[in-house]
C-alpha atoms as a PDB file:
ATOM      1  CA  MET A   1      65.009 -34.732 128.414  1.00  0.00           C
ATOM      2  CA  THR A   2      65.773 -32.772 125.160  1.00  0.00           C
ATOM      3  CA  ILE A   3      65.545 -36.255 123.478  1.00  0.00           C
ATOM      4  CA  ARG A   4      62.247 -37.523 125.319  1.00  0.00           C
ATOM      5  CA  ALA A   5      60.600 -34.023 124.984  1.00  0.00           C
ATOM      6  CA  GLY A   6      61.579 -33.361 120.851  1.00  0.00           C
ATOM      7  CA  LEU A   7      59.698 -37.516 120.770  1.00  0.00           C
ATOM      8  CA  ALA A   8      57.150 -35.810 122.825  1.00  0.00           C
ATOM      9  CA  ALA A   9      56.426 -33.179 120.295  1.00  0.00           C
ATOM     10  CA  LEU A  10      56.411 -34.938 117.229  1.00  0.00           C
ATOM     11  CA  PHE A  11      54.425 -37.522 118.700  1.00  0.00           C
ATOM     12  CA  THR A  12      51.904 -34.839 119.282  1.00  0.00           C
ATOM     13  CA  ALA A  13      52.025 -33.245 116.064  1.00  0.00           C
ATOM     14  CA  ALA A  14      51.906 -36.293 114.258  1.00  0.00           C
ATOM     15  CA  THR A  15      48.754 -37.369 116.790  1.00  0.00           C
ATOM     16  CA  LEU A  16      47.541 -33.523 115.369  1.00  0.00           C
ATOM     17  CA  VAL A  17      47.268 -34.431 111.478  1.00  0.00           C
ATOM     18  CA  ALA A  18      46.054 -37.941 112.120  1.00  0.00           C
ATOM     19  CA  ALA A  19      42.944 -37.106 114.336  1.00  0.00           C
ATOM     20  CA  PRO A  20      39.596 -36.520 112.095  1.00  0.00           C
ATOM     21  CA  ALA A  21      38.718 -32.728 111.651  1.00  0.00           C
ATOM     22  CA  SER A  22      36.772 -31.631 114.304  1.00  0.00           C
ATOM     23  CA  GLY A  23      33.152 -29.837 114.918  1.00  0.00           C
ATOM     24  CA  GLN A  24      34.778 -26.379 114.682  1.00  0.00           C
ATOM     25  CA  ASP A  25      36.633 -27.270 111.387  1.00  0.00           C
ATOM     26  CA  TYR A  26      33.447 -28.672 109.598  1.00  0.00           C
ATOM     27  CA  PRO A  27      33.271 -28.684 106.769  1.00  0.00           C
ATOM     28  CA  ASP A  28      36.811 -29.147 105.521  1.00  0.00           C
ATOM     29  CA  HIS A  29      36.092 -31.602 102.250  1.00  0.00           C
ATOM     30  CA  PRO A  30      33.104 -32.385 100.068  1.00  0.00           C
ATOM     31  CA  VAL A  31      29.916 -33.590 101.788  1.00  0.00           C
ATOM     32  CA  GLU A  32      28.347 -36.712 100.550  1.00  0.00           C
ATOM     33  CA  PHE A  33      24.936 -36.701  99.638  1.00  0.00           C
ATOM     34  CA  ILE A  34      23.345 -40.086  99.300  1.00  0.00           C
ATOM     35  CA  VAL A  35      19.836 -39.851  97.437  1.00  0.00           C
ATOM     36  CA  PRO A  36      17.655 -43.070  97.709  1.00  0.00           C
ATOM     37  CA  TRP A  37      16.056 -42.987  94.934  1.00  0.00           C
ATOM     38  CA  SER A  38      16.392 -43.400  90.820  1.00  0.00           C
ATOM     39  CA  PRO A  39      18.363 -40.496  88.910  1.00  0.00           C
ATOM     40  CA  GLY A  40      15.206 -38.421  87.193  1.00  0.00           C
ATOM     41  CA  GLY A  41      12.245 -38.474  89.948  1.00  0.00           C
ATOM     42  CA  GLY A  42      11.169 -35.705  91.818  1.00  0.00           C
ATOM     43  CA  SER A  43      13.065 -36.758  95.204  1.00  0.00           C
ATOM     44  CA  ASP A  44      16.165 -36.320  92.544  1.00  0.00           C
ATOM     45  CA  THR A  45      15.829 -33.559  90.691  1.00  0.00           C
ATOM     46  CA  LEU A  46      14.537 -31.382  94.135  1.00  0.00           C
ATOM     47  CA  MET A  47      18.000 -33.011  96.103  1.00  0.00           C
ATOM     48  CA  ARG A  48      19.903 -31.901  92.981  1.00  0.00           C
ATOM     49  CA  LEU A  49      18.830 -28.231  93.500  1.00  0.00           C
ATOM     50  CA  ILE A  50      20.309 -28.066  97.139  1.00  0.00           C
ATOM     51  CA  ALA A  51      23.280 -30.309  96.181  1.00  0.00           C
ATOM     52  CA  GLY A  52      24.162 -27.806  93.038  1.00  0.00           C
ATOM     53  CA  ASN A  53      23.487 -24.236  95.350  1.00  0.00           C
ATOM     54  CA  ILE A  54      24.976 -25.152  98.475  1.00  0.00           C
ATOM     55  CA  ALA A  55      28.603 -24.449  97.867  1.00  0.00           C
ATOM     56  CA  PRO A  56      28.258 -20.802  98.600  1.00  0.00           C
ATOM     57  CA  TYR A  57      26.691 -21.423 101.772  1.00  0.00           C
ATOM     58  CA  LEU A  58      28.572 -24.424 102.817  1.00  0.00           C
ATOM     59  CA  GLY A  59      32.094 -23.437 101.682  1.00  0.00           C
ATOM     60  CA  VAL A  60      32.393 -27.500  99.628  1.00  0.00           C
ATOM     61  CA  GLU A  61      30.887 -28.879  97.301  1.00  0.00           C
ATOM     62  CA  MET A  62      28.005 -31.695  97.982  1.00  0.00           C
ATOM     63  CA  PRO A  63      28.329 -34.698  95.306  1.00  0.00           C
ATOM     64  CA  ILE A  64      25.534 -36.803  94.981  1.00  0.00           C
ATOM     65  CA  ILE A  65      25.197 -40.953  95.288  1.00  0.00           C
ATOM     66  CA  ASN A  66      22.062 -42.472  93.821  1.00  0.00           C
ATOM     67  CA  MET A  67      21.121 -45.572  96.086  1.00  0.00           C
ATOM     68  CA  PRO A  68      17.562 -46.822  94.825  1.00  0.00           C
ATOM     69  CA  GLY A  69      16.044 -49.545  96.001  1.00  0.00           C
ATOM     70  CA  VAL A  70      12.726 -50.696  97.966  1.00  0.00           C
ATOM     71  CA  GLY A  71      10.871 -47.329  98.707  1.00  0.00           C
ATOM     72  CA  GLY A  72      14.105 -45.642  99.194  1.00  0.00           C
ATOM     73  CA  THR A  73      15.373 -48.022 101.941  1.00  0.00           C
ATOM     74  CA  VAL A  74      18.399 -49.439 100.493  1.00  0.00           C
ATOM     75  CA  GLY A  75      20.290 -45.582 100.411  1.00  0.00           C
ATOM     76  CA  LEU A  76      18.699 -45.297 103.650  1.00  0.00           C
ATOM     77  CA  ARG A  77      20.412 -48.261 105.167  1.00  0.00           C
ATOM     78  CA  GLU A  78      23.591 -47.228 103.945  1.00  0.00           C
ATOM     79  CA  ALA A  79      23.336 -44.138 105.175  1.00  0.00           C
ATOM     80  CA  SER A  80      23.039 -44.836 108.457  1.00  0.00           C
ATOM     81  CA  ARG A  81      25.887 -47.277 108.161  1.00  0.00           C
ATOM     82  CA  ARG A  82      28.358 -44.587 107.531  1.00  0.00           C
ATOM     83  CA  ASP A  83      30.263 -42.849 109.958  1.00  0.00           C
ATOM     84  CA  ALA A  84      28.461 -40.070 112.069  1.00  0.00           C
ATOM     85  CA  ASP A  85      31.283 -37.487 111.334  1.00  0.00           C
ATOM     86  CA  GLY A  86      28.567 -34.767 109.459  1.00  0.00           C
ATOM     87  CA  TYR A  87      30.256 -35.846 105.836  1.00  0.00           C
ATOM     88  CA  THR A  88      27.748 -38.670 105.014  1.00  0.00           C
ATOM     89  CA  ILE A  89      24.017 -36.778 104.697  1.00  0.00           C
ATOM     90  CA  SER A  90      20.967 -38.373 102.790  1.00  0.00           C
ATOM     91  CA  GLN A  91      16.932 -37.467 102.373  1.00  0.00           C
ATOM     92  CA  VAL A  92      13.996 -38.547 103.869  1.00  0.00           C
ATOM     93  CA  HIS A  93      10.380 -38.392 103.555  1.00  0.00           C
ATOM     94  CA  GLU A  94       7.058 -39.422 104.828  1.00  0.00           C
ATOM     95  CA  GLY A  95       7.265 -42.772 102.979  1.00  0.00           C
ATOM     96  CA  LEU A  96       9.593 -44.192 105.331  1.00  0.00           C
ATOM     97  CA  LEU A  97       7.374 -43.794 108.332  1.00  0.00           C
ATOM     98  CA  VAL A  98       4.999 -45.849 106.304  1.00  0.00           C
ATOM     99  CA  ALA A  99       7.527 -47.883 105.442  1.00  0.00           C
ATOM    100  CA  HIS A 100       8.882 -48.693 108.868  1.00  0.00           C
ATOM    101  CA  GLU A 101       5.063 -49.154 110.209  1.00  0.00           C
ATOM    102  CA  THR A 102       4.274 -51.180 107.651  1.00  0.00           C
ATOM    103  CA  ASP A 103       7.596 -53.813 108.097  1.00  0.00           C
ATOM    104  CA  ILE A 104       9.761 -53.096 105.255  1.00  0.00           C
ATOM    105  CA  THR A 105      12.399 -51.865 107.056  1.00  0.00           C
ATOM    106  CA  ASP A 106      13.419 -51.165 110.480  1.00  0.00           C
ATOM    107  CA  GLN A 107      14.770 -47.776 109.779  1.00  0.00           C
ATOM    108  CA  ASN A 108      12.230 -44.548 111.040  1.00  0.00           C
ATOM    109  CA  TRP A 109      13.277 -41.142 110.861  1.00  0.00           C
ATOM    110  CA  ASP A 110      14.721 -41.461 114.483  1.00  0.00           C
ATOM    111  CA  THR A 111      17.625 -43.798 113.057  1.00  0.00           C
ATOM    112  CA  PHE A 112      19.345 -40.434 111.646  1.00  0.00           C
ATOM    113  CA  ASP A 113      19.559 -36.742 112.905  1.00  0.00           C
ATOM    114  CA  PRO A 114      17.057 -34.357 111.362  1.00  0.00           C
ATOM    115  CA  ILE A 115      19.054 -31.461 110.101  1.00  0.00           C
ATOM    116  CA  ALA A 116      16.288 -29.946 108.160  1.00  0.00           C
ATOM    117  CA  LEU A 117      12.967 -30.198 106.110  1.00  0.00           C
ATOM    118  CA  MET A 118      13.926 -28.099 103.036  1.00  0.00           C
ATOM    119  CA  THR A 119      10.621 -28.724 100.657  1.00  0.00           C
ATOM    120  CA  ALA A 120       7.195 -29.411 100.454  1.00  0.00           C
ATOM    121  CA  SER A 121       4.760 -30.876  98.044  1.00  0.00           C
ATOM    122  CA  PRO A 122       1.427 -29.795  99.235  1.00  0.00           C
ATOM    123  CA  GLN A 123      -1.466 -32.757  98.626  1.00  0.00           C
ATOM    124  CA  TYR A 124      -5.315 -32.422  97.481  1.00  0.00           C
ATOM    125  CA  LEU A 125      -8.169 -34.054  97.945  1.00  0.00           C
ATOM    126  CA  VAL A 126      -9.115 -34.220  94.000  1.00  0.00           C
ATOM    127  CA  VAL A 127     -12.777 -35.136  93.279  1.00  0.00           C
ATOM    128  CA  HIS A 128     -14.539 -35.703  89.814  1.00  0.00           C
ATOM    129  CA  PRO A 129     -17.474 -33.374  89.556  1.00  0.00           C
ATOM    130  CA  THR A 130     -20.371 -34.509  91.097  1.00  0.00           C
ATOM    131  CA  GLU A 131     -24.187 -33.129  92.188  1.00  0.00           C
ATOM    132  CA  ASP A 132     -23.784 -34.717  95.037  1.00  0.00           C
ATOM    133  CA  TYR A 133     -21.362 -32.330  96.739  1.00  0.00           C
ATOM    134  CA  THR A 134     -19.269 -29.109  95.425  1.00  0.00           C
ATOM    135  CA  ASP A 135     -17.861 -28.661  98.229  1.00  0.00           C
ATOM    136  CA  PHE A 136     -15.777 -29.877 101.355  1.00  0.00           C
ATOM    137  CA  ASP A 137     -18.372 -29.876 103.829  1.00  0.00           C
ATOM    138  CA  GLU A 138     -20.733 -31.062 101.745  1.00  0.00           C
ATOM    139  CA  PHE A 139     -18.190 -34.170 100.908  1.00  0.00           C
ATOM    140  CA  VAL A 140     -17.492 -35.054 104.380  1.00  0.00           C
ATOM    141  CA  GLU A 141     -21.363 -35.008 104.278  1.00  0.00           C
ATOM    142  CA  PHE A 142     -22.192 -36.961 101.406  1.00  0.00           C
ATOM    143  CA  ALA A 143     -19.428 -39.694 102.728  1.00  0.00           C
ATOM    144  CA  LYS A 144     -20.615 -39.737 106.196  1.00  0.00           C
ATOM    145  CA  ALA A 145     -24.516 -40.630 104.931  1.00  0.00           C
ATOM    146  CA  HIS A 146     -22.759 -43.391 102.439  1.00  0.00           C
ATOM    147  CA  PRO A 147     -20.144 -44.545 104.655  1.00  0.00           C
ATOM    148  CA  GLY A 148     -17.485 -47.198 102.362  1.00  0.00           C
ATOM    149  CA  GLU A 149     -19.277 -45.747  99.247  1.00  0.00           C
ATOM    150  CA  ILE A 150     -16.537 -43.177  97.772  1.00  0.00           C
ATOM    151  CA  THR A 151     -13.890 -44.682  95.956  1.00  0.00           C
ATOM    152  CA  MET A 152     -10.751 -43.011  97.117  1.00  0.00           C
ATOM    153  CA  GLY A 153      -7.407 -44.114  94.479  1.00  0.00           C
ATOM    154  CA  VAL A 154      -4.399 -43.939  96.483  1.00  0.00           C
ATOM    155  CA  THR A 155      -0.908 -45.876  96.207  1.00  0.00           C
ATOM    156  CA  LEU A 156      -1.881 -49.012  98.414  1.00  0.00           C
ATOM    157  CA  GLY A 157       0.554 -48.892 101.580  1.00  0.00           C
ATOM    158  CA  GLY A 158       1.958 -45.615 100.205  1.00  0.00           C
ATOM    159  CA  VAL A 159       1.604 -41.732 100.942  1.00  0.00           C
ATOM    160  CA  PRO A 160      -1.164 -41.182  99.196  1.00  0.00           C
ATOM    161  CA  HIS A 161      -3.144 -44.250 101.507  1.00  0.00           C
ATOM    162  CA  LEU A 162      -1.641 -42.413 104.703  1.00  0.00           C
ATOM    163  CA  HIS A 163      -3.067 -38.916 103.571  1.00  0.00           C
ATOM    164  CA  ALA A 164      -6.164 -40.834 102.807  1.00  0.00           C
ATOM    165  CA  ALA A 165      -6.516 -42.101 105.958  1.00  0.00           C
ATOM    166  CA  MET A 166      -5.673 -38.672 107.969  1.00  0.00           C
ATOM    167  CA  ILE A 167      -8.529 -37.324 106.201  1.00  0.00           C
ATOM    168  CA  GLU A 168     -10.645 -40.544 107.345  1.00  0.00           C
ATOM    169  CA  GLN A 169      -9.625 -40.343 111.031  1.00  0.00           C
ATOM    170  CA  ALA A 170     -10.084 -36.783 111.087  1.00  0.00           C
ATOM    171  CA  TYR A 171     -13.542 -36.359 109.748  1.00  0.00           C
ATOM    172  CA  GLY A 172     -14.877 -39.668 111.008  1.00  0.00           C
ATOM    173  CA  LEU A 173     -15.082 -40.971 107.461  1.00  0.00           C
ATOM    174  CA  GLN A 174     -14.804 -44.521 105.355  1.00  0.00           C
ATOM    175  CA  PHE A 175     -13.940 -44.645 101.785  1.00  0.00           C
ATOM    176  CA  GLN A 176     -13.269 -47.931  99.913  1.00  0.00           C
ATOM    177  CA  TYR A 177      -9.353 -47.719  98.473  1.00  0.00           C
ATOM    178  CA  VAL A 178      -8.452 -48.502  94.955  1.00  0.00           C
ATOM    179  CA  GLY A 179      -5.273 -48.766  94.478  1.00  0.00           C
ATOM    180  CA  TYR A 180      -2.760 -47.294  91.352  1.00  0.00           C
ATOM    181  CA  GLU A 181       0.715 -47.406  91.279  1.00  0.00           C
ATOM    182  CA  GLY A 182       1.328 -43.717  90.884  1.00  0.00           C
ATOM    183  CA  THR A 183       0.014 -40.448  90.892  1.00  0.00           C
ATOM    184  CA  GLY A 184      -1.076 -39.837  86.969  1.00  0.00           C
ATOM    185  CA  GLU A 185      -2.230 -43.260  86.695  1.00  0.00           C
ATOM    186  CA  ARG A 186      -5.170 -42.595  89.570  1.00  0.00           C
ATOM    187  CA  VAL A 187      -5.676 -39.177  88.371  1.00  0.00           C
ATOM    188  CA  ARG A 188      -6.505 -40.372  84.569  1.00  0.00           C
ATOM    189  CA  ALA A 189      -9.003 -43.178  86.398  1.00  0.00           C
ATOM    190  CA  LEU A 190     -10.439 -39.622  87.975  1.00  0.00           C
ATOM    191  CA  VAL A 191     -11.089 -37.884  85.298  1.00  0.00           C
ATOM    192  CA  GLY A 192     -12.577 -40.808  83.263  1.00  0.00           C
ATOM    193  CA  GLY A 193     -14.693 -40.970  85.912  1.00  0.00           C
ATOM    194  CA  ASN A 194     -13.632 -44.826  87.294  1.00  0.00           C
ATOM    195  CA  LEU A 195     -13.114 -42.760  90.745  1.00  0.00           C
ATOM    196  CA  ASP A 196     -14.879 -40.404  93.074  1.00  0.00           C
ATOM    197  CA  ALA A 197     -11.748 -39.030  94.740  1.00  0.00           C
ATOM    198  CA  ALA A 198      -8.097 -39.037  94.937  1.00  0.00           C
ATOM    199  CA  ILE A 199      -5.207 -37.471  96.493  1.00  0.00           C
ATOM    200  CA  GLY A 200      -2.948 -35.179  93.883  1.00  0.00           C
ATOM    201  CA  ASP A 201      -1.027 -32.392  93.565  1.00  0.00           C
ATOM    202  CA  ILE A 202      -0.343 -29.287  91.773  1.00  0.00           C
ATOM    203  CA  SER A 203       1.829 -30.954  89.024  1.00  0.00           C
ATOM    204  CA  SER A 204      -0.596 -34.050  88.223  1.00  0.00           C
ATOM    205  CA  SER A 205      -4.394 -32.318  88.482  1.00  0.00           C
ATOM    206  CA  LEU A 206      -4.213 -28.332  88.573  1.00  0.00           C
ATOM    207  CA  GLN A 207      -4.343 -28.494  84.427  1.00  0.00           C
ATOM    208  CA  PHE A 208      -7.579 -31.195  84.699  1.00  0.00           C
ATOM    209  CA  VAL A 209      -9.174 -28.570  87.207  1.00  0.00           C
ATOM    210  CA  GLU A 210      -8.870 -25.754  85.215  1.00  0.00           C
ATOM    211  CA  ASN A 211     -10.220 -27.600  82.085  1.00  0.00           C
ATOM    212  CA  GLY A 212     -13.418 -28.287  84.928  1.00  0.00           C
ATOM    213  CA  ASP A 213     -12.699 -31.922  84.673  1.00  0.00           C
ATOM    214  CA  LEU A 214     -11.976 -32.508  88.219  1.00  0.00           C
ATOM    215  CA  GLN A 215     -12.268 -29.973  91.622  1.00  0.00           C
ATOM    216  CA  PHE A 216     -10.054 -29.582  94.502  1.00  0.00           C
ATOM    217  CA  LEU A 217     -11.793 -29.820  97.673  1.00  0.00           C
ATOM    218  CA  ALA A 218      -9.044 -29.402 100.272  1.00  0.00           C
ATOM    219  CA  VAL A 219      -5.194 -29.027 100.214  1.00  0.00           C
ATOM    220  CA  GLY A 220      -3.061 -29.811 103.013  1.00  0.00           C
ATOM    221  CA  SER A 221      -0.740 -26.840 103.204  1.00  0.00           C
ATOM    222  CA  PRO A 222      -0.438 -24.805 106.298  1.00  0.00           C
ATOM    223  CA  GLU A 223      -2.176 -21.847 104.232  1.00  0.00           C
ATOM    224  CA  ARG A 224      -3.852 -21.548 101.228  1.00  0.00           C
ATOM    225  CA  MET A 225      -1.484 -21.853  97.847  1.00  0.00           C
ATOM    226  CA  ALA A 226      -0.884 -18.876  95.637  1.00  0.00           C
ATOM    227  CA  ALA A 227      -1.600 -21.196  92.786  1.00  0.00           C
ATOM    228  CA  THR A 228      -5.001 -22.516  94.145  1.00  0.00           C
ATOM    229  CA  PRO A 229      -5.967 -18.877  96.630  1.00  0.00           C
ATOM    230  CA  ASP A 230      -9.895 -20.324  96.513  1.00  0.00           C
ATOM    231  CA  VAL A 231      -8.963 -24.111  98.091  1.00  0.00           C
ATOM    232  CA  PRO A 232      -9.311 -23.732 101.730  1.00  0.00           C
ATOM    233  CA  THR A 233      -6.772 -25.366 103.628  1.00  0.00           C
ATOM    234  CA  PHE A 234      -7.825 -28.416 105.970  1.00  0.00           C
ATOM    235  CA  MET A 235      -6.759 -26.677 109.209  1.00  0.00           C
ATOM    236  CA  GLU A 236      -9.602 -23.644 107.606  1.00  0.00           C
ATOM    237  CA  LEU A 237     -11.778 -26.922 107.248  1.00  0.00           C
ATOM    238  CA  GLY A 238     -11.879 -27.988 110.841  1.00  0.00           C
ATOM    239  CA  SER A 239      -8.740 -30.279 111.395  1.00  0.00           C
ATOM    240  CA  ASP A 240      -4.731 -29.953 112.278  1.00  0.00           C
ATOM    241  CA  LEU A 241      -4.135 -31.943 109.011  1.00  0.00           C
ATOM    242  CA  GLU A 242      -0.817 -30.930 107.092  1.00  0.00           C
ATOM    243  CA  LEU A 243      -0.932 -33.165 104.252  1.00  0.00           C
ATOM    244  CA  ASN A 244       2.664 -32.659 102.243  1.00  0.00           C
ATOM    245  CA  VAL A 245       5.470 -35.062 100.814  1.00  0.00           C
ATOM    246  CA  THR A 246       7.974 -33.250 102.403  1.00  0.00           C
ATOM    247  CA  ARG A 247      11.868 -33.778 101.596  1.00  0.00           C
ATOM    248  CA  GLY A 248      14.281 -33.090 104.369  1.00  0.00           C
ATOM    249  CA  ILE A 249      17.856 -33.658 105.139  1.00  0.00           C
ATOM    250  CA  VAL A 250      19.214 -36.140 107.554  1.00  0.00           C
ATOM    251  CA  MET A 251      22.756 -37.149 108.688  1.00  0.00           C
ATOM    252  CA  PRO A 252      23.547 -40.507 110.500  1.00  0.00           C
ATOM    253  CA  LYS A 253      22.650 -40.634 114.203  1.00  0.00           C
ATOM    254  CA  GLY A 254      25.086 -39.209 116.681  1.00  0.00           C
ATOM    255  CA  ALA A 255      26.984 -36.609 114.222  1.00  0.00           C
ATOM    256  CA  PRO A 256      29.068 -33.580 116.076  1.00  0.00           C
ATOM    257  CA  GLN A 257      26.089 -30.984 117.129  1.00  0.00           C
ATOM    258  CA  GLU A 258      28.951 -28.161 115.556  1.00  0.00           C
ATOM    259  CA  ALA A 259      28.316 -30.418 111.878  1.00  0.00           C
ATOM    260  CA  LYS A 260      24.760 -30.100 112.394  1.00  0.00           C
ATOM    261  CA  ASP A 261      23.985 -26.797 113.119  1.00  0.00           C
ATOM    262  CA  LYS A 262      26.428 -25.247 110.468  1.00  0.00           C
ATOM    263  CA  LEU A 263      24.431 -27.457 108.260  1.00  0.00           C
ATOM    264  CA  GLU A 264      21.461 -26.268 109.409  1.00  0.00           C
ATOM    265  CA  ALA A 265      22.458 -22.824 108.766  1.00  0.00           C
ATOM    266  CA  ALA A 266      23.348 -23.505 105.414  1.00  0.00           C
ATOM    267  CA  LEU A 267      20.458 -25.047 104.296  1.00  0.00           C
ATOM    268  CA  GLU A 268      18.165 -22.003 106.017  1.00  0.00           C
ATOM    269  CA  ALA A 269      20.397 -19.357 103.990  1.00  0.00           C
ATOM    270  CA  LEU A 270      19.698 -21.396 100.978  1.00  0.00           C
ATOM    271  CA  SER A 271      15.907 -21.541 101.522  1.00  0.00           C
ATOM    272  CA  LYS A 272      16.251 -18.078 100.834  1.00  0.00           C
ATOM    273  CA  ASP A 273      17.994 -17.739  97.785  1.00  0.00           C
ATOM    274  CA  ALA A 274      15.731 -16.436  95.551  1.00  0.00           C
ATOM    275  CA  THR A 275      17.074 -18.705  92.521  1.00  0.00           C
ATOM    276  CA  TYR A 276      17.062 -21.379  94.547  1.00  0.00           C
ATOM    277  CA  ILE A 277      13.365 -21.304  95.181  1.00  0.00           C
ATOM    278  CA  GLU A 278      12.529 -20.426  91.736  1.00  0.00           C
ATOM    279  CA  GLN A 279      13.920 -23.710  90.769  1.00  0.00           C
ATOM    280  CA  THR A 280      11.902 -25.833  93.243  1.00  0.00           C
ATOM    281  CA  ASN A 281       8.760 -24.145  91.967  1.00  0.00           C
ATOM    282  CA  ASN A 282       9.534 -25.094  88.723  1.00  0.00           C
ATOM    283  CA  ALA A 283      10.214 -28.881  90.024  1.00  0.00           C
ATOM    284  CA  GLY A 284       6.433 -28.550  91.266  1.00  0.00           C
ATOM    285  CA  ALA A 285       7.619 -28.050  94.823  1.00  0.00           C
ATOM    286  CA  GLU A 286       7.462 -25.093  97.769  1.00  0.00           C
ATOM    287  CA  VAL A 287      10.291 -24.573  99.525  1.00  0.00           C
ATOM    288  CA  MET A 288       9.865 -24.976 103.445  1.00  0.00           C
ATOM    289  CA  PHE A 289      12.387 -24.734 105.865  1.00  0.00           C
ATOM    290  CA  ARG A 290      12.378 -25.846 109.145  1.00  0.00           C
ATOM    291  CA  GLY A 291      15.677 -26.516 111.355  1.00  0.00           C
ATOM    292  CA  GLN A 292      16.375 -29.306 113.764  1.00  0.00           C
ATOM    293  CA  GLU A 293      13.836 -29.012 116.487  1.00  0.00           C
ATOM    294  CA  ALA A 294      11.028 -28.031 114.369  1.00  0.00           C
ATOM    295  CA  TYR A 295      11.926 -31.161 111.635  1.00  0.00           C
ATOM    296  CA  ALA A 296      12.048 -33.355 114.309  1.00  0.00           C
ATOM    297  CA  THR A 297       8.749 -32.127 116.185  1.00  0.00           C
ATOM    298  CA  TYR A 298       6.983 -32.800 112.251  1.00  0.00           C
ATOM    299  CA  LEU A 299       8.543 -36.599 112.374  1.00  0.00           C
ATOM    300  CA  GLY A 300       7.529 -37.033 115.150  1.00  0.00           C
ATOM    301  CA  LYS A 301       4.204 -35.880 115.539  1.00  0.00           C
ATOM    302  CA  LEU A 302       3.167 -38.015 111.982  1.00  0.00           C
ATOM    303  CA  ASP A 303       4.988 -40.717 113.443  1.00  0.00           C
ATOM    304  CA  ASP A 304       2.261 -40.866 116.015  1.00  0.00           C
ATOM    305  CA  THR A 305      -0.270 -40.313 113.237  1.00  0.00           C
ATOM    306  CA  VAL A 306       0.983 -42.976 111.305  1.00  0.00           C
ATOM    307  CA  LYS A 307       1.205 -45.567 113.896  1.00  0.00           C
ATOM    308  CA  SER A 308      -2.274 -44.975 114.940  1.00  0.00           C
ATOM    309  CA  LEU A 309      -3.635 -45.458 111.218  1.00  0.00           C
ATOM    310  CA  SER A 310      -1.357 -48.974 111.020  1.00  0.00           C
ATOM    311  CA  GLU A 311      -3.949 -51.235 110.753  1.00  0.00           C
ATOM    312  CA  VAL A 312      -4.904 -49.146 108.010  1.00  0.00           C
ATOM    313  CA  LEU A 313      -2.162 -49.221 106.031  1.00  0.00           C
ATOM    314  CA  ALA A 314      -1.304 -52.757 106.183  1.00  0.00           C
ATOM    315  CA  PRO A 315      -0.678 -54.786 103.144  1.00  0.00           C
END
């Protein structure tokens, strides 16, 4: 019996050593961050700010691995295949929902466990100055009287297209879409008078607004932006629209709840860090924290909207 007891004790000890760390021990080694975009872009820059500042709050490092391709879906596919142990995370934004609905990928937001929304880049309705309308209400009135005549610059099948279609749906309008690859390209076309309107943001458009070359009519943030205090939100203008490019953290589905809770708490603490906030603002975005439940609610509501606009967004 003594030998059997000794062997049993050795077996138990070996099992404990071999067993993966429980959620209560999380994290006990670095958490790998798959960023599904190329180095140097907006998402990569903002995610590196998270990774570079998280260690004091999470207790471990967060090395980044860039896996770009097909609008972010290559890296997300790899992330979805990783073990759901809390040691792999990735990043999503609205583009994933559009890519899913337009059959670019079979993944969607609920392929993953949302952990926290971290940043938002509020999007603006930007117009070339005209005597036809001087504010948003006049713009809506003109657009209703001239359906299909306002040329709207977007990335066809992309997030700007989604945002413009959401404006159409909310106010009963009809635009004539003109496709451009990037924000800078369509803003330049707008400044040159080749477009009537576009979806833009602070970093791409503010200098032209300040010069009088363009005009912001409305912003998609929940509250007015400090940089543009005179620009009303769409919510003020009678709709429930949030037009943001948000960036949030997700885990492979089925991760331990303790791991999800601990990462969420670390990210929430980071969202209040003055240095991190300043760095994010300098990168052209706002810190907008929402935890697991609120972030999932936001993505679910947006997904319903994307589905309702699938015919408009189809290539």
